[in-house]
Structure formats: C-alpha cells, structure tokens
Amino acid sequence: MLKIGDKVPDFTSPDQNNNNYCLRNDREKWIVLYFANKVKKYVEHLKYSNFKENLPFFKENKITIVAVIPNSVQSISYFVEKNDLDIDIISDVDYVVARKYNVDYESKIPDYHKGRTIFIIDPDGIIRYIYKDEKVTGNLSDYINKVVKKLKQLIK
C-alpha cells in the first residue's frame, strides 16, 4: 500500500495519441496523478468544476496533470478531441497502473466513486499527498479546491 513519503512506482502506458507516456519523463516537476474510472466522467468533472479556472496556477508552477483511466486509447482520444482538452490521459485498460498505485476499480462501492484517487508527487518522485474519494461529499469543485490548496502549501 503506497503512502505519503513513498517513492512512486514508474509506469509506461499509452496516452490519448497512442504514444507511450512514461512517468519518469516528468520527473523534476510536480505531478498531479488523477485516477478516474471512466473517461466520460473525467471529462464531465473537468467541464463542470472549477478546474479550468485553476489552469493558470498549474501552468505557472509547471505542474503536470496526468489522468489514468481504464478506457481504450480510442475512447480517450475521442473525448479529448471532442472536448478540446490539454491534459495527458493515459489508458489503463488492464489496470496495470492502477494496481501499482493500489487504486481499486473493482470494489463494491458505487460505480461513480470507483478509482477516484489523486496523488500529488514532488519533483523527486515522492508522494506528498493522497486523496482517495470513496464517498464523495460535496461537489467536484470542492474536490479540486482541496488538491489546489494542498499543492499551494507544498510548493511554497
């Protein structure tokens, strides 16, 4: 079980353009690694939350945002193009990445909450924050605000 202070496991998996994304290539940057259970839900999260208003903060601080979703490259690519997203979305159809990070897509919790986990990783590849969302209380903007607030504390 991964915990705060652990070094993150590396992974390579195809992104929305069917290019291999390697986590180690983003070392030396802060990384927000977001696991979601479906690309459609993830896109809805981005569209209907305050995520876009926080993009300047992410860009200014050179924070890489990577979503890991158990959908096919084709499915992810379709939603990225349709919604004009500028974020790396990684296909994890076989749950290989999810298993490395102890993210559960197969539990008996409601489908909407499965897999929704965020890791904040520092430039040395160390986990600095874990947000696991098995029972959502509040809306997605609250969820993103918690992550942004924590990043601001960590980056100081």
Protein backbone atom coordinates (compact mmCIF):
# COMPACT_ATOMS: atom_id res chain seq x y z
CA MET A 1 0.00 0.00 0.00
CA LEU A 2 1.50 3.33 -1.06
CA LYS A 3 1.61 6.12 1.49
CA ILE A 4 2.83 9.68 1.80
CA GLY A 5 6.64 9.71 1.70
CA ASP A 6 6.93 6.68 -0.60
CA LYS A 7 8.72 6.84 -3.94
CA VAL A 8 6.20 6.36 -6.72
CA PRO A 9 6.36 3.34 -8.99
CA ASP A 10 7.21 4.21 -12.56
CA PHE A 11 4.93 3.18 -15.40
CA THR A 12 4.67 3.36 -19.16
CA SER A 13 1.27 3.25 -20.80
CA PRO A 14 -0.33 4.62 -23.99
CA ASP A 15 -1.80 8.13 -23.93
CA GLN A 16 -4.70 9.56 -25.93
CA ASN A 17 -2.44 9.80 -29.01
CA ASN A 18 -1.28 6.20 -28.60
CA ASN A 19 2.19 7.42 -27.63
CA ASN A 20 3.86 5.76 -24.67
CA TYR A 21 3.71 8.03 -21.65
CA CYS A 22 6.45 7.35 -19.07
CA LEU A 23 6.06 8.88 -15.62
CA ARG A 24 9.83 9.14 -15.21
CA ASN A 25 9.93 11.62 -18.11
CA ASP A 26 8.01 14.11 -15.98
CA ARG A 27 10.35 13.83 -13.00
CA GLU A 28 11.77 17.12 -11.83
CA LYS A 29 8.22 18.55 -12.00
CA TRP A 30 5.29 18.40 -9.62
CA ILE A 31 2.77 15.86 -10.89
CA VAL A 32 -0.92 15.50 -10.14
CA LEU A 33 -1.74 11.88 -10.94
CA TYR A 34 -5.53 11.55 -11.14
CA PHE A 35 -7.22 8.14 -11.36
CA ALA A 36 -10.82 8.14 -12.58
CA ASN A 37 -13.00 5.21 -13.53
CA LYS A 38 -14.35 6.42 -16.89
CA VAL A 39 -13.17 8.94 -19.45
CA LYS A 40 -16.69 10.35 -19.86
CA LYS A 41 -16.96 11.03 -16.11
CA TYR A 42 -13.47 12.55 -16.04
CA VAL A 43 -14.32 14.93 -18.89
CA GLU A 44 -17.54 15.91 -17.13
CA HIS A 45 -15.52 16.56 -13.97
CA LEU A 46 -13.27 18.93 -15.87
CA LYS A 47 -16.10 20.70 -17.68
CA TYR A 48 -18.37 21.25 -14.68
CA SER A 49 -15.83 22.05 -11.99
CA ASN A 50 -13.50 24.94 -11.29
CA PHE A 51 -10.64 23.05 -12.89
CA LYS A 52 -10.23 25.42 -15.83
CA GLU A 53 -10.00 28.47 -13.60
CA ASN A 54 -7.07 26.79 -11.84
CA LEU A 55 -5.15 26.07 -15.07
CA PRO A 56 -3.05 29.28 -14.75
CA PHE A 57 -1.84 28.08 -11.34
CA PHE A 58 -0.88 24.68 -12.77
CA LYS A 59 0.92 26.22 -15.76
CA GLU A 60 2.66 28.94 -13.74
CA ASN A 61 4.09 26.31 -11.39
CA LYS A 62 4.87 23.83 -14.18
CA ILE A 63 2.64 21.19 -12.64
CA THR A 64 1.95 18.21 -14.89
CA ILE A 65 -1.55 16.77 -14.72
CA VAL A 66 -1.92 13.16 -15.78
CA ALA A 67 -5.17 11.23 -15.70
CA VAL A 68 -5.18 7.43 -15.67
CA ILE A 69 -8.42 5.89 -16.89
CA PRO A 70 -9.35 2.27 -17.69
CA ASN A 71 -10.68 3.09 -21.15
CA SER A 72 -9.25 2.30 -24.57
CA VAL A 73 -6.95 4.75 -26.35
CA GLN A 74 -9.65 5.23 -28.99
CA SER A 75 -12.28 6.12 -26.42
CA ILE A 76 -9.97 8.53 -24.62
CA SER A 77 -8.86 10.12 -27.89
CA TYR A 78 -12.46 10.71 -28.93
CA PHE A 79 -13.32 12.55 -25.69
CA VAL A 80 -10.09 14.58 -25.70
CA GLU A 81 -10.72 15.81 -29.26
CA LYS A 82 -14.42 16.41 -28.71
CA ASN A 83 -13.78 18.47 -25.56
CA ASP A 84 -10.54 20.19 -26.59
CA LEU A 85 -8.57 19.04 -23.52
CA ASP A 86 -4.92 19.89 -22.97
CA ILE A 87 -4.12 17.17 -20.45
CA ASP A 88 -2.37 13.82 -20.77
CA ILE A 89 -4.84 10.99 -20.34
CA ILE A 90 -3.38 7.52 -20.00
CA SER A 91 -5.15 4.33 -20.99
CA ASP A 92 -5.06 1.63 -18.31
CA VAL A 93 -7.47 -0.93 -19.72
CA ASP A 94 -5.82 -3.86 -17.91
CA TYR A 95 -5.48 -1.95 -14.57
CA VAL A 96 -1.69 -2.37 -14.60
CA VAL A 97 -1.04 1.21 -13.46
CA ALA A 98 -3.98 1.17 -11.03
CA ARG A 99 -2.63 -1.95 -9.33
CA LYS A 100 0.81 -0.32 -8.89
CA TYR A 101 -0.89 2.56 -7.09
CA ASN A 102 -3.42 0.43 -5.17
CA VAL A 103 -6.35 2.08 -6.94
CA ASP A 104 -9.49 -0.05 -6.83
CA TYR A 105 -11.74 -0.13 -9.89
CA GLU A 106 -13.41 -3.40 -8.92
CA SER A 107 -14.78 -2.85 -5.42
CA LYS A 108 -18.42 -2.84 -4.46
CA ILE A 109 -18.57 0.91 -3.89
CA PRO A 110 -20.87 2.81 -6.28
CA ASP A 111 -19.52 2.98 -9.82
CA TYR A 112 -19.27 6.79 -9.77
CA HIS A 113 -16.68 6.67 -6.96
CA LYS A 114 -14.53 3.75 -8.08
CA GLY A 115 -10.92 4.56 -8.65
CA ARG A 116 -11.21 8.28 -7.92
CA THR A 117 -7.82 8.89 -6.34
CA ILE A 118 -5.30 11.70 -6.66
CA PHE A 119 -1.59 11.54 -5.88
CA ILE A 120 0.50 14.68 -5.63
CA ILE A 121 4.08 13.76 -6.49
CA ASP A 122 7.06 16.05 -5.91
CA PRO A 123 9.94 16.59 -8.37
CA ASP A 124 11.93 13.81 -6.67
CA GLY A 125 9.16 11.26 -7.31
CA ILE A 126 7.95 11.20 -3.69
CA ILE A 127 4.24 11.07 -2.81
CA ARG A 128 3.36 14.23 -0.86
CA TYR A 129 -0.43 13.87 -0.75
CA ILE A 130 -3.04 11.22 -1.44
CA TYR A 131 -6.71 11.97 -1.88
CA LYS A 132 -8.86 8.87 -2.11
CA ASP A 133 -12.51 9.51 -2.77
CA GLU A 134 -14.70 6.55 -1.93
CA LYS A 135 -17.60 8.63 -0.69
CA VAL A 136 -17.95 11.99 -2.31
CA THR A 137 -19.33 14.66 -0.04
CA GLY A 138 -19.76 17.96 -1.81
CA ASN A 139 -19.23 18.75 -5.43
CA LEU A 140 -16.23 18.30 -7.69
CA SER A 141 -15.13 21.92 -7.31
CA ASP A 142 -14.63 21.24 -3.58
CA TYR A 143 -12.58 18.19 -4.51
CA ILE A 144 -10.34 20.16 -6.87
CA ASN A 145 -10.05 23.03 -4.39
CA LYS A 146 -8.63 20.61 -1.80
CA VAL A 147 -5.98 19.46 -4.25
CA VAL A 148 -5.07 23.00 -5.34
CA LYS A 149 -4.90 24.17 -1.71
CA LYS A 150 -2.59 21.28 -0.82
CA LEU A 151 -0.38 21.97 -3.86
CA LYS A 152 -0.06 25.63 -2.85
CA GLN A 153 1.06 24.55 0.64
CA LEU A 154 3.57 22.07 -0.73
CA ILE A 155 5.10 24.28 -3.43
CA LYS A 156 5.85 27.28 -1.18
